[in-house]
Amino acid sequence: TETRLTMGTAVKEVATITSLEGQGDGLASVLPRALAVIEADEGCRGAQALRCVERPDEFLLMIEWGSVVEHEAFRASDAFAEYRGHLSEHLGAVVGFAHYEPAGAGL
């Protein structure tokens, strides 16, 4: 599996984040600027944020990367700190994230 992750397999990162309690509107207002930082990275192929209807302080981020390696390079860059800086005033927690690839890829 490790070899496949370094070969450039396009992946979708799916992350669930929450705002500080009652700060969903604030987080929603800064997400476009934060996602613009991610989308400016050459490894990013697109990014989208969705807000939960039932839990308005919860958001789902879906970011497509050229590979897991490219995502990890972004996380180690100054741009990642800039991205998190946009969220810092309103971000409660990163509940979790994982990488997904199309079903059947590499089989």
PDB file of N, CA and C in Angstrom:
ATOM      1  N   THR A   1       0.827  -1.193   0.000  1.00  0.00           N
ATOM      2  CA  THR A   1       0.000   0.000   0.000  1.00  0.00           C
ATOM      3  C   THR A   1       0.870   1.256   0.000  1.00  0.00           C
ATOM      4  N   GLU A   2       1.943   1.260   0.799  1.00  0.00           N
ATOM      5  CA  GLU A   2       2.812   2.432   0.871  1.00  0.00           C
ATOM      6  C   GLU A   2       3.351   2.809  -0.498  1.00  0.00           C
ATOM      7  N   THR A   3       3.748   1.812  -1.307  1.00  0.00           N
ATOM      8  CA  THR A   3       4.267   2.088  -2.640  1.00  0.00           C
ATOM      9  C   THR A   3       3.226   2.784  -3.486  1.00  0.00           C
ATOM     10  N   ARG A   4       1.997   2.306  -3.424  1.00  0.00           N
ATOM     11  CA  ARG A   4       0.937   2.908  -4.230  1.00  0.00           C
ATOM     12  C   ARG A   4       0.720   4.353  -3.836  1.00  0.00           C
ATOM     13  N   LEU A   5       0.848   4.691  -2.547  1.00  0.00           N
ATOM     14  CA  LEU A   5       0.626   6.057  -2.092  1.00  0.00           C
ATOM     15  C   LEU A   5       1.660   7.019  -2.653  1.00  0.00           C
ATOM     16  N   THR A   6       2.817   6.550  -3.019  1.00  0.00           N
ATOM     17  CA  THR A   6       3.854   7.434  -3.538  1.00  0.00           C
ATOM     18  C   THR A   6       3.870   7.482  -5.059  1.00  0.00           C
ATOM     19  N   MET A   7       3.009   6.719  -5.702  1.00  0.00           N
ATOM     20  CA  MET A   7       3.036   6.640  -7.154  1.00  0.00           C
ATOM     21  C   MET A   7       2.198   7.697  -7.850  1.00  0.00           C
ATOM     22  N   GLY A   8       1.542   8.580  -7.124  1.00  0.00           N
ATOM     23  CA  GLY A   8       0.774   9.628  -7.773  1.00  0.00           C
ATOM     24  C   GLY A   8      -0.687   9.290  -7.966  1.00  0.00           C
ATOM     25  N   THR A   9      -1.222   8.347  -7.224  1.00  0.00           N
ATOM     26  CA  THR A   9      -2.631   8.012  -7.315  1.00  0.00           C
ATOM     27  C   THR A   9      -3.461   9.170  -6.788  1.00  0.00           C
ATOM     28  N   ALA A  10      -4.364   9.704  -7.613  1.00  0.00           N
ATOM     29  CA  ALA A  10      -5.229  10.796  -7.162  1.00  0.00           C
ATOM     30  C   ALA A  10      -6.116  10.301  -6.026  1.00  0.00           C
ATOM     31  N   VAL A  11      -6.250  11.137  -5.016  1.00  0.00           N
ATOM     32  CA  VAL A  11      -7.047  10.773  -3.853  1.00  0.00           C
ATOM     33  C   VAL A  11      -7.935  11.937  -3.447  1.00  0.00           C
ATOM     34  N   LYS A  12      -9.015  11.602  -2.754  1.00  0.00           N
ATOM     35  CA  LYS A  12      -9.886  12.617  -2.185  1.00  0.00           C
ATOM     36  C   LYS A  12      -9.733  12.550  -0.671  1.00  0.00           C
ATOM     37  N   GLU A  13      -9.366  13.663  -0.085  1.00  0.00           N
ATOM     38  CA  GLU A  13      -9.310  13.790   1.372  1.00  0.00           C
ATOM     39  C   GLU A  13     -10.695  14.218   1.834  1.00  0.00           C
ATOM     40  N   VAL A  14     -11.237  13.506   2.804  1.00  0.00           N
ATOM     41  CA  VAL A  14     -12.526  13.856   3.383  1.00  0.00           C
ATOM     42  C   VAL A  14     -12.286  14.117   4.862  1.00  0.00           C
ATOM     43  N   ALA A  15     -12.591  15.341   5.302  1.00  0.00           N
ATOM     44  CA  ALA A  15     -12.347  15.723   6.694  1.00  0.00           C
ATOM     45  C   ALA A  15     -13.625  16.283   7.299  1.00  0.00           C
ATOM     46  N   THR A  16     -13.868  15.919   8.537  1.00  0.00           N
ATOM     47  CA  THR A  16     -14.981  16.489   9.287  1.00  0.00           C
ATOM     48  C   THR A  16     -14.387  17.425  10.324  1.00  0.00           C
ATOM     49  N   ILE A  17     -14.868  18.677  10.319  1.00  0.00           N
ATOM     50  CA  ILE A  17     -14.409  19.664  11.287  1.00  0.00           C
ATOM     51  C   ILE A  17     -15.621  20.283  11.974  1.00  0.00           C
ATOM     52  N   THR A  18     -15.380  20.833  13.139  1.00  0.00           N
ATOM     53  CA  THR A  18     -16.445  21.546  13.842  1.00  0.00           C
ATOM     54  C   THR A  18     -15.960  22.936  14.211  1.00  0.00           C
ATOM     55  N   SER A  19     -16.924  23.827  14.344  1.00  0.00           N
ATOM     56  CA  SER A  19     -16.604  25.164  14.834  1.00  0.00           C
ATOM     57  C   SER A  19     -16.668  25.145  16.353  1.00  0.00           C
ATOM     58  N   LEU A  20     -16.159  26.188  16.954  1.00  0.00           N
ATOM     59  CA  LEU A  20     -16.418  26.383  18.371  1.00  0.00           C
ATOM     60  C   LEU A  20     -17.926  26.486  18.522  1.00  0.00           C
ATOM     61  N   GLU A  21     -18.447  26.129  19.669  1.00  0.00           N
ATOM     62  CA  GLU A  21     -19.895  26.113  19.866  1.00  0.00           C
ATOM     63  C   GLU A  21     -20.524  27.454  19.489  1.00  0.00           C
ATOM     64  N   GLY A  22     -21.523  27.369  18.605  1.00  0.00           N
ATOM     65  CA  GLY A  22     -22.247  28.558  18.176  1.00  0.00           C
ATOM     66  C   GLY A  22     -21.517  29.422  17.170  1.00  0.00           C
ATOM     67  N   GLN A  23     -20.365  28.967  16.660  1.00  0.00           N
ATOM     68  CA  GLN A  23     -19.572  29.779  15.731  1.00  0.00           C
ATOM     69  C   GLN A  23     -19.610  29.227  14.304  1.00  0.00           C
ATOM     70  N   GLY A  24     -20.651  28.451  14.014  1.00  0.00           N
ATOM     71  CA  GLY A  24     -20.768  27.885  12.669  1.00  0.00           C
ATOM     72  C   GLY A  24     -20.814  28.945  11.581  1.00  0.00           C
ATOM     73  N   ASP A  25     -21.525  30.030  11.809  1.00  0.00           N
ATOM     74  CA  ASP A  25     -21.594  31.093  10.804  1.00  0.00           C
ATOM     75  C   ASP A  25     -20.219  31.721  10.586  1.00  0.00           C
ATOM     76  N   GLY A  26     -19.479  31.897  11.654  1.00  0.00           N
ATOM     77  CA  GLY A  26     -18.136  32.459  11.532  1.00  0.00           C
ATOM     78  C   GLY A  26     -17.219  31.552  10.742  1.00  0.00           C
ATOM     79  N   LEU A  27     -17.255  30.249  11.035  1.00  0.00           N
ATOM     80  CA  LEU A  27     -16.425  29.303  10.294  1.00  0.00           C
ATOM     81  C   LEU A  27     -16.842  29.266   8.829  1.00  0.00           C
ATOM     82  N   ALA A  28     -18.146  29.275   8.577  1.00  0.00           N
ATOM     83  CA  ALA A  28     -18.637  29.272   7.195  1.00  0.00           C
ATOM     84  C   ALA A  28     -18.135  30.496   6.431  1.00  0.00           C
ATOM     85  N   SER A  29     -18.019  31.616   7.118  1.00  0.00           N
ATOM     86  CA  SER A  29     -17.603  32.848   6.438  1.00  0.00           C
ATOM     87  C   SER A  29     -16.119  32.852   6.071  1.00  0.00           C
ATOM     88  N   VAL A  30     -15.279  32.125   6.805  1.00  0.00           N
ATOM     89  CA  VAL A  30     -13.840  32.118   6.499  1.00  0.00           C
ATOM     90  C   VAL A  30     -13.412  30.923   5.646  1.00  0.00           C
ATOM     91  N   LEU A  31     -14.255  29.927   5.521  1.00  0.00           N
ATOM     92  CA  LEU A  31     -13.884  28.744   4.736  1.00  0.00           C
ATOM     93  C   LEU A  31     -13.523  29.059   3.283  1.00  0.00           C
ATOM     94  N   PRO A  32     -14.215  29.968   2.592  1.00  0.00           N
ATOM     95  CA  PRO A  32     -13.803  30.249   1.209  1.00  0.00           C
ATOM     96  C   PRO A  32     -12.351  30.745   1.100  1.00  0.00           C
ATOM     97  N   ARG A  33     -11.914  31.604   2.023  1.00  0.00           N
ATOM     98  CA  ARG A  33     -10.522  32.083   1.995  1.00  0.00           C
ATOM     99  C   ARG A  33      -9.553  30.948   2.313  1.00  0.00           C
ATOM    100  N   ALA A  34      -9.923  30.109   3.279  1.00  0.00           N
ATOM    101  CA  ALA A  34      -9.065  28.980   3.648  1.00  0.00           C
ATOM    102  C   ALA A  34      -8.938  28.001   2.483  1.00  0.00           C
ATOM    103  N   LEU A  35     -10.050  27.688   1.832  1.00  0.00           N
ATOM    104  CA  LEU A  35     -10.009  26.748   0.707  1.00  0.00           C
ATOM    105  C   LEU A  35      -9.248  27.329  -0.481  1.00  0.00           C
ATOM    106  N   ALA A  36      -9.279  28.644  -0.647  1.00  0.00           N
ATOM    107  CA  ALA A  36      -8.519  29.280  -1.731  1.00  0.00           C
ATOM    108  C   ALA A  36      -7.017  29.039  -1.546  1.00  0.00           C
ATOM    109  N   VAL A  37      -6.556  29.023  -0.305  1.00  0.00           N
ATOM    110  CA  VAL A  37      -5.145  28.736  -0.036  1.00  0.00           C
ATOM    111  C   VAL A  37      -4.821  27.299  -0.458  1.00  0.00           C
ATOM    112  N   ILE A  38      -5.697  26.368  -0.110  1.00  0.00           N
ATOM    113  CA  ILE A  38      -5.480  24.970  -0.497  1.00  0.00           C
ATOM    114  C   ILE A  38      -5.496  24.827  -2.014  1.00  0.00           C
ATOM    115  N   GLU A  39      -6.482  25.443  -2.649  1.00  0.00           N
ATOM    116  CA  GLU A  39      -6.625  25.305  -4.103  1.00  0.00           C
ATOM    117  C   GLU A  39      -5.456  25.921  -4.870  1.00  0.00           C
ATOM    118  N   ALA A  40      -4.735  26.855  -4.256  1.00  0.00           N
ATOM    119  CA  ALA A  40      -3.577  27.464  -4.900  1.00  0.00           C
ATOM    120  C   ALA A  40      -2.374  26.513  -4.926  1.00  0.00           C
ATOM    121  N   ASP A  41      -2.397  25.465  -4.110  1.00  0.00           N
ATOM    122  CA  ASP A  41      -1.306  24.503  -4.078  1.00  0.00           C
ATOM    123  C   ASP A  41      -1.330  23.672  -5.355  1.00  0.00           C
ATOM    124  N   GLU A  42      -0.172  23.458  -5.949  1.00  0.00           N
ATOM    125  CA  GLU A  42      -0.123  22.733  -7.223  1.00  0.00           C
ATOM    126  C   GLU A  42      -0.578  21.281  -7.112  1.00  0.00           C
ATOM    127  N   GLY A  43      -0.554  20.696  -5.908  1.00  0.00           N
ATOM    128  CA  GLY A  43      -1.009  19.322  -5.736  1.00  0.00           C
ATOM    129  C   GLY A  43      -2.517  19.186  -5.603  1.00  0.00           C
ATOM    130  N   CYS A  44      -3.200  20.310  -5.393  1.00  0.00           N
ATOM    131  CA  CYS A  44      -4.655  20.287  -5.203  1.00  0.00           C
ATOM    132  C   CYS A  44      -5.365  20.350  -6.545  1.00  0.00           C
ATOM    133  N   ARG A  45      -6.371  19.508  -6.686  1.00  0.00           N
ATOM    134  CA  ARG A  45      -7.175  19.480  -7.919  1.00  0.00           C
ATOM    135  C   ARG A  45      -8.570  20.052  -7.703  1.00  0.00           C
ATOM    136  N   GLY A  46      -8.879  20.464  -6.482  1.00  0.00           N
ATOM    137  CA  GLY A  46     -10.179  21.063  -6.194  1.00  0.00           C
ATOM    138  C   GLY A  46     -10.543  20.853  -4.736  1.00  0.00           C
ATOM    139  N   ALA A  47     -11.365  21.755  -4.219  1.00  0.00           N
ATOM    140  CA  ALA A  47     -11.757  21.678  -2.813  1.00  0.00           C
ATOM    141  C   ALA A  47     -13.186  22.190  -2.655  1.00  0.00           C
ATOM    142  N   GLN A  48     -13.890  21.592  -1.700  1.00  0.00           N
ATOM    143  CA  GLN A  48     -15.278  21.959  -1.444  1.00  0.00           C
ATOM    144  C   GLN A  48     -15.559  21.805   0.040  1.00  0.00           C
ATOM    145  N   ALA A  49     -16.389  22.681   0.568  1.00  0.00           N
ATOM    146  CA  ALA A  49     -16.832  22.572   1.965  1.00  0.00           C
ATOM    147  C   ALA A  49     -18.347  22.470   1.978  1.00  0.00           C
ATOM    148  N   LEU A  50     -18.863  21.571   2.807  1.00  0.00           N
ATOM    149  CA  LEU A  50     -20.298  21.398   2.987  1.00  0.00           C
ATOM    150  C   LEU A  50     -20.623  21.602   4.460  1.00  0.00           C
ATOM    151  N   ARG A  51     -21.749  22.243   4.731  1.00  0.00           N
ATOM    152  CA  ARG A  51     -22.184  22.467   6.111  1.00  0.00           C
ATOM    153  C   ARG A  51     -23.326  21.520   6.431  1.00  0.00           C
ATOM    154  N   CYS A  52     -23.270  20.904   7.599  1.00  0.00           N
ATOM    155  CA  CYS A  52     -24.301  19.968   8.018  1.00  0.00           C
ATOM    156  C   CYS A  52     -25.589  20.727   8.351  1.00  0.00           C
ATOM    157  N   VAL A  53     -26.687  20.268   7.818  1.00  0.00           N
ATOM    158  CA  VAL A  53     -27.991  20.896   8.058  1.00  0.00           C
ATOM    159  C   VAL A  53     -28.441  20.661   9.499  1.00  0.00           C
ATOM    160  N   GLU A  54     -28.292  19.428   9.970  1.00  0.00           N
ATOM    161  CA  GLU A  54     -28.765  19.089  11.318  1.00  0.00           C
ATOM    162  C   GLU A  54     -27.843  19.607  12.423  1.00  0.00           C
ATOM    163  N   ARG A  55     -26.569  19.715  12.124  1.00  0.00           N
ATOM    164  CA  ARG A  55     -25.570  20.178  13.107  1.00  0.00           C
ATOM    165  C   ARG A  55     -24.786  21.327  12.476  1.00  0.00           C
ATOM    166  N   PRO A  56     -25.301  22.559  12.555  1.00  0.00           N
ATOM    167  CA  PRO A  56     -24.713  23.677  11.818  1.00  0.00           C
ATOM    168  C   PRO A  56     -23.302  24.079  12.251  1.00  0.00           C
ATOM    169  N   ASP A  57     -22.784  23.493  13.306  1.00  0.00           N
ATOM    170  CA  ASP A  57     -21.392  23.748  13.699  1.00  0.00           C
ATOM    171  C   ASP A  57     -20.451  22.691  13.118  1.00  0.00           C
ATOM    172  N   GLU A  58     -20.965  21.809  12.255  1.00  0.00           N
ATOM    173  CA  GLU A  58     -20.169  20.728  11.667  1.00  0.00           C
ATOM    174  C   GLU A  58     -20.057  20.921  10.159  1.00  0.00           C
ATOM    175  N   PHE A  59     -18.845  20.665   9.642  1.00  0.00           N
ATOM    176  CA  PHE A  59     -18.559  20.855   8.224  1.00  0.00           C
ATOM    177  C   PHE A  59     -17.815  19.641   7.681  1.00  0.00           C
ATOM    178  N   LEU A  60     -18.020  19.378   6.413  1.00  0.00           N
ATOM    179  CA  LEU A  60     -17.325  18.314   5.707  1.00  0.00           C
ATOM    180  C   LEU A  60     -16.483  18.985   4.625  1.00  0.00           C
ATOM    181  N   LEU A  61     -15.182  18.736   4.651  1.00  0.00           N
ATOM    182  CA  LEU A  61     -14.285  19.248   3.619  1.00  0.00           C
ATOM    183  C   LEU A  61     -13.916  18.104   2.697  1.00  0.00           C
ATOM    184  N   MET A  62     -13.994  18.346   1.401  1.00  0.00           N
ATOM    185  CA  MET A  62     -13.600  17.352   0.409  1.00  0.00           C
ATOM    186  C   MET A  62     -12.574  18.002  -0.504  1.00  0.00           C
ATOM    187  N   ILE A  63     -11.361  17.471  -0.464  1.00  0.00           N
ATOM    188  CA  ILE A  63     -10.254  18.056  -1.208  1.00  0.00           C
ATOM    189  C   ILE A  63      -9.630  16.963  -2.061  1.00  0.00           C
ATOM    190  N   GLU A  64      -9.498  17.222  -3.340  1.00  0.00           N
ATOM    191  CA  GLU A  64      -8.863  16.250  -4.221  1.00  0.00           C
ATOM    192  C   GLU A  64      -7.397  16.626  -4.398  1.00  0.00           C
ATOM    193  N   TRP A  65      -6.540  15.650  -4.148  1.00  0.00           N
ATOM    194  CA  TRP A  65      -5.090  15.812  -4.276  1.00  0.00           C
ATOM    195  C   TRP A  65      -4.579  14.892  -5.366  1.00  0.00           C
ATOM    196  N   GLY A  66      -3.489  15.276  -5.988  1.00  0.00           N
ATOM    197  CA  GLY A  66      -2.857  14.414  -6.975  1.00  0.00           C
ATOM    198  C   GLY A  66      -2.409  13.102  -6.360  1.00  0.00           C
ATOM    199  N   SER A  67      -2.024  13.149  -5.083  1.00  0.00           N
ATOM    200  CA  SER A  67      -1.599  11.955  -4.358  1.00  0.00           C
ATOM    201  C   SER A  67      -1.570  12.276  -2.870  1.00  0.00           C
ATOM    202  N   VAL A  68      -1.466  11.242  -2.055  1.00  0.00           N
ATOM    203  CA  VAL A  68      -1.318  11.445  -0.613  1.00  0.00           C
ATOM    204  C   VAL A  68      -0.010  12.191  -0.337  1.00  0.00           C
ATOM    205  N   VAL A  69       1.016  11.878  -1.109  1.00  0.00           N
ATOM    206  CA  VAL A  69       2.307  12.539  -0.927  1.00  0.00           C
ATOM    207  C   VAL A  69       2.171  14.047  -1.140  1.00  0.00           C
ATOM    208  N   GLU A  70       1.412  14.456  -2.151  1.00  0.00           N
ATOM    209  CA  GLU A  70       1.204  15.890  -2.393  1.00  0.00           C
ATOM    210  C   GLU A  70       0.433  16.529  -1.238  1.00  0.00           C
ATOM    211  N   HIS A  71      -0.524  15.818  -0.678  1.00  0.00           N
ATOM    212  CA  HIS A  71      -1.244  16.348   0.479  1.00  0.00           C
ATOM    213  C   HIS A  71      -0.287  16.510   1.658  1.00  0.00           C
ATOM    214  N   GLU A  72       0.546  15.514   1.898  1.00  0.00           N
ATOM    215  CA  GLU A  72       1.500  15.594   3.002  1.00  0.00           C
ATOM    216  C   GLU A  72       2.487  16.746   2.802  1.00  0.00           C
ATOM    217  N   ALA A  73       2.883  17.000   1.564  1.00  0.00           N
ATOM    218  CA  ALA A  73       3.781  18.129   1.276  1.00  0.00           C
ATOM    219  C   ALA A  73       3.088  19.447   1.606  1.00  0.00           C
ATOM    220  N   PHE A  74       1.808  19.561   1.283  1.00  0.00           N
ATOM    221  CA  PHE A  74       1.063  20.768   1.631  1.00  0.00           C
ATOM    222  C   PHE A  74       1.018  20.954   3.141  1.00  0.00           C
ATOM    223  N   ARG A  75       0.758  19.885   3.877  1.00  0.00           N
ATOM    224  CA  ARG A  75       0.675  19.971   5.337  1.00  0.00           C
ATOM    225  C   ARG A  75       1.999  20.409   5.966  1.00  0.00           C
ATOM    226  N   ALA A  76       3.098  20.173   5.280  1.00  0.00           N
ATOM    227  CA  ALA A  76       4.414  20.566   5.794  1.00  0.00           C
ATOM    228  C   ALA A  76       4.824  21.972   5.324  1.00  0.00           C
ATOM    229  N   SER A  77       3.974  22.625   4.541  1.00  0.00           N
ATOM    230  CA  SER A  77       4.332  23.918   3.944  1.00  0.00           C
ATOM    231  C   SER A  77       3.836  25.098   4.776  1.00  0.00           C
ATOM    232  N   ASP A  78       4.366  26.271   4.451  1.00  0.00           N
ATOM    233  CA  ASP A  78       3.890  27.504   5.081  1.00  0.00           C
ATOM    234  C   ASP A  78       2.430  27.779   4.708  1.00  0.00           C
ATOM    235  N   ALA A  79       2.012  27.309   3.542  1.00  0.00           N
ATOM    236  CA  ALA A  79       0.632  27.520   3.108  1.00  0.00           C
ATOM    237  C   ALA A  79      -0.353  26.825   4.049  1.00  0.00           C
ATOM    238  N   PHE A  80       0.045  25.684   4.625  1.00  0.00           N
ATOM    239  CA  PHE A  80      -0.848  25.005   5.567  1.00  0.00           C
ATOM    240  C   PHE A  80      -1.090  25.884   6.792  1.00  0.00           C
ATOM    241  N   ALA A  81      -0.038  26.526   7.282  1.00  0.00           N
ATOM    242  CA  ALA A  81      -0.197  27.435   8.422  1.00  0.00           C
ATOM    243  C   ALA A  81      -1.105  28.603   8.053  1.00  0.00           C
ATOM    244  N   GLU A  82      -0.987  29.091   6.824  1.00  0.00           N
ATOM    245  CA  GLU A  82      -1.868  30.177   6.367  1.00  0.00           C
ATOM    246  C   GLU A  82      -3.324  29.697   6.327  1.00  0.00           C
ATOM    247  N   TYR A  83      -3.537  28.502   5.775  1.00  0.00           N
ATOM    248  CA  TYR A  83      -4.882  27.908   5.717  1.00  0.00           C
ATOM    249  C   TYR A  83      -5.475  27.801   7.121  1.00  0.00           C
ATOM    250  N   ARG A  84      -4.723  27.226   8.060  1.00  0.00           N
ATOM    251  CA  ARG A  84      -5.220  27.066   9.426  1.00  0.00           C
ATOM    252  C   ARG A  84      -5.427  28.423  10.104  1.00  0.00           C
ATOM    253  N   GLY A  85      -4.611  29.401   9.744  1.00  0.00           N
ATOM    254  CA  GLY A  85      -4.762  30.732  10.311  1.00  0.00           C
ATOM    255  C   GLY A  85      -6.119  31.346   9.998  1.00  0.00           C
ATOM    256  N   HIS A  86      -6.635  31.081   8.809  1.00  0.00           N
ATOM    257  CA  HIS A  86      -7.964  31.584   8.443  1.00  0.00           C
ATOM    258  C   HIS A  86      -9.044  30.974   9.334  1.00  0.00           C
ATOM    259  N   LEU A  87      -8.836  29.732   9.761  1.00  0.00           N
ATOM    260  CA  LEU A  87      -9.848  29.009  10.533  1.00  0.00           C
ATOM    261  C   LEU A  87      -9.721  29.206  12.039  1.00  0.00           C
ATOM    262  N   SER A  88      -8.545  29.598  12.502  1.00  0.00           N
ATOM    263  CA  SER A  88      -8.197  29.513  13.924  1.00  0.00           C
ATOM    264  C   SER A  88      -9.189  30.188  14.868  1.00  0.00           C
ATOM    265  N   GLU A  89      -9.757  31.282  14.475  1.00  0.00           N
ATOM    266  CA  GLU A  89     -10.673  32.015  15.369  1.00  0.00           C
ATOM    267  C   GLU A  89     -11.968  31.244  15.626  1.00  0.00           C
ATOM    268  N   HIS A  90     -12.349  30.378  14.694  1.00  0.00           N
ATOM    269  CA  HIS A  90     -13.647  29.700  14.773  1.00  0.00           C
ATOM    270  C   HIS A  90     -13.565  28.176  14.881  1.00  0.00           C
ATOM    271  N   LEU A  91     -12.394  27.591  14.602  1.00  0.00           N
ATOM    272  CA  LEU A  91     -12.274  26.138  14.540  1.00  0.00           C
ATOM    273  C   LEU A  91     -12.328  25.509  15.925  1.00  0.00           C
ATOM    274  N   GLY A  92     -13.233  24.554  16.071  1.00  0.00           N
ATOM    275  CA  GLY A  92     -13.330  23.818  17.320  1.00  0.00           C
ATOM    276  C   GLY A  92     -12.441  22.597  17.299  1.00  0.00           C
ATOM    277  N   ALA A  93     -12.672  21.696  16.339  1.00  0.00           N
ATOM    278  CA  ALA A  93     -11.904  20.454  16.285  1.00  0.00           C
ATOM    279  C   ALA A  93     -11.898  19.896  14.876  1.00  0.00           C
ATOM    280  N   VAL A  94     -10.829  19.168  14.580  1.00  0.00           N
ATOM    281  CA  VAL A  94     -10.799  18.326  13.391  1.00  0.00           C
ATOM    282  C   VAL A  94     -11.214  16.954  13.906  1.00  0.00           C
ATOM    283  N   VAL A  95     -12.435  16.564  13.599  1.00  0.00           N
ATOM    284  CA  VAL A  95     -12.997  15.318  14.120  1.00  0.00           C
ATOM    285  C   VAL A  95     -12.264  14.123  13.536  1.00  0.00           C
ATOM    286  N   GLY A  96     -11.892  14.225  12.273  1.00  0.00           N
ATOM    287  CA  GLY A  96     -11.162  13.143  11.625  1.00  0.00           C
ATOM    288  C   GLY A  96     -11.027  13.389  10.149  1.00  0.00           C
ATOM    289  N   PHE A  97     -10.070  12.708   9.532  1.00  0.00           N
ATOM    290  CA  PHE A  97      -9.936  12.781   8.084  1.00  0.00           C
ATOM    291  C   PHE A  97      -9.327  11.486   7.569  1.00  0.00           C
ATOM    292  N   ALA A  98      -9.590  11.209   6.305  1.00  0.00           N
ATOM    293  CA  ALA A  98      -9.051  10.033   5.646  1.00  0.00           C
ATOM    294  C   ALA A  98      -8.949  10.324   4.160  1.00  0.00           C
ATOM    295  N   HIS A  99      -8.176   9.502   3.471  1.00  0.00           N
ATOM    296  CA  HIS A  99      -8.009   9.621   2.022  1.00  0.00           C
ATOM    297  C   HIS A  99      -8.756   8.481   1.329  1.00  0.00           C
ATOM    298  N   TYR A 100      -9.390   8.810   0.225  1.00  0.00           N
ATOM    299  CA  TYR A 100     -10.152   7.829  -0.535  1.00  0.00           C
ATOM    300  C   TYR A 100      -9.714   7.896  -1.985  1.00  0.00           C
ATOM    301  N   GLU A 101      -9.786   6.747  -2.645  1.00  0.00           N
ATOM    302  CA  GLU A 101      -9.528   6.666  -4.069  1.00  0.00           C
ATOM    303  C   GLU A 101     -10.702   5.954  -4.729  1.00  0.00           C
ATOM    304  N   PRO A 102     -10.848   6.103  -6.050  1.00  0.00           N
ATOM    305  CA  PRO A 102     -11.965   5.434  -6.711  1.00  0.00           C
ATOM    306  C   PRO A 102     -11.947   3.927  -6.419  1.00  0.00           C
ATOM    307  N   ALA A 103     -13.105   3.365  -6.212  1.00  0.00           N
ATOM    308  CA  ALA A 103     -13.206   1.922  -5.963  1.00  0.00           C
ATOM    309  C   ALA A 103     -12.628   1.166  -7.144  1.00  0.00           C
ATOM    310  N   GLY A 104     -11.805   0.174  -6.856  1.00  0.00           N
ATOM    311  CA  GLY A 104     -11.180  -0.634  -7.897  1.00  0.00           C
ATOM    312  C   GLY A 104      -9.859  -0.074  -8.389  1.00  0.00           C
ATOM    313  N   ALA A 105      -9.454   1.122  -7.900  1.00  0.00           N
ATOM    314  CA  ALA A 105      -8.187   1.704  -8.352  1.00  0.00           C
ATOM    315  C   ALA A 105      -7.031   0.819  -7.918  1.00  0.00           C
ATOM    316  N   GLY A 106      -6.119   0.576  -8.809  1.00  0.00           N
ATOM    317  CA  GLY A 106      -4.921  -0.194  -8.496  1.00  0.00           C
ATOM    318  C   GLY A 106      -5.144  -1.693  -8.419  1.00  0.00           C
ATOM    319  N   LEU A 107      -6.356  -2.152  -8.730  1.00  0.00           N
ATOM    320  CA  LEU A 107      -6.621  -3.599  -8.663  1.00  0.00           C
ATOM    321  C   LEU A 107      -6.397  -4.241 -10.005  1.00  0.00           C
TER     322      LEU A 107
END
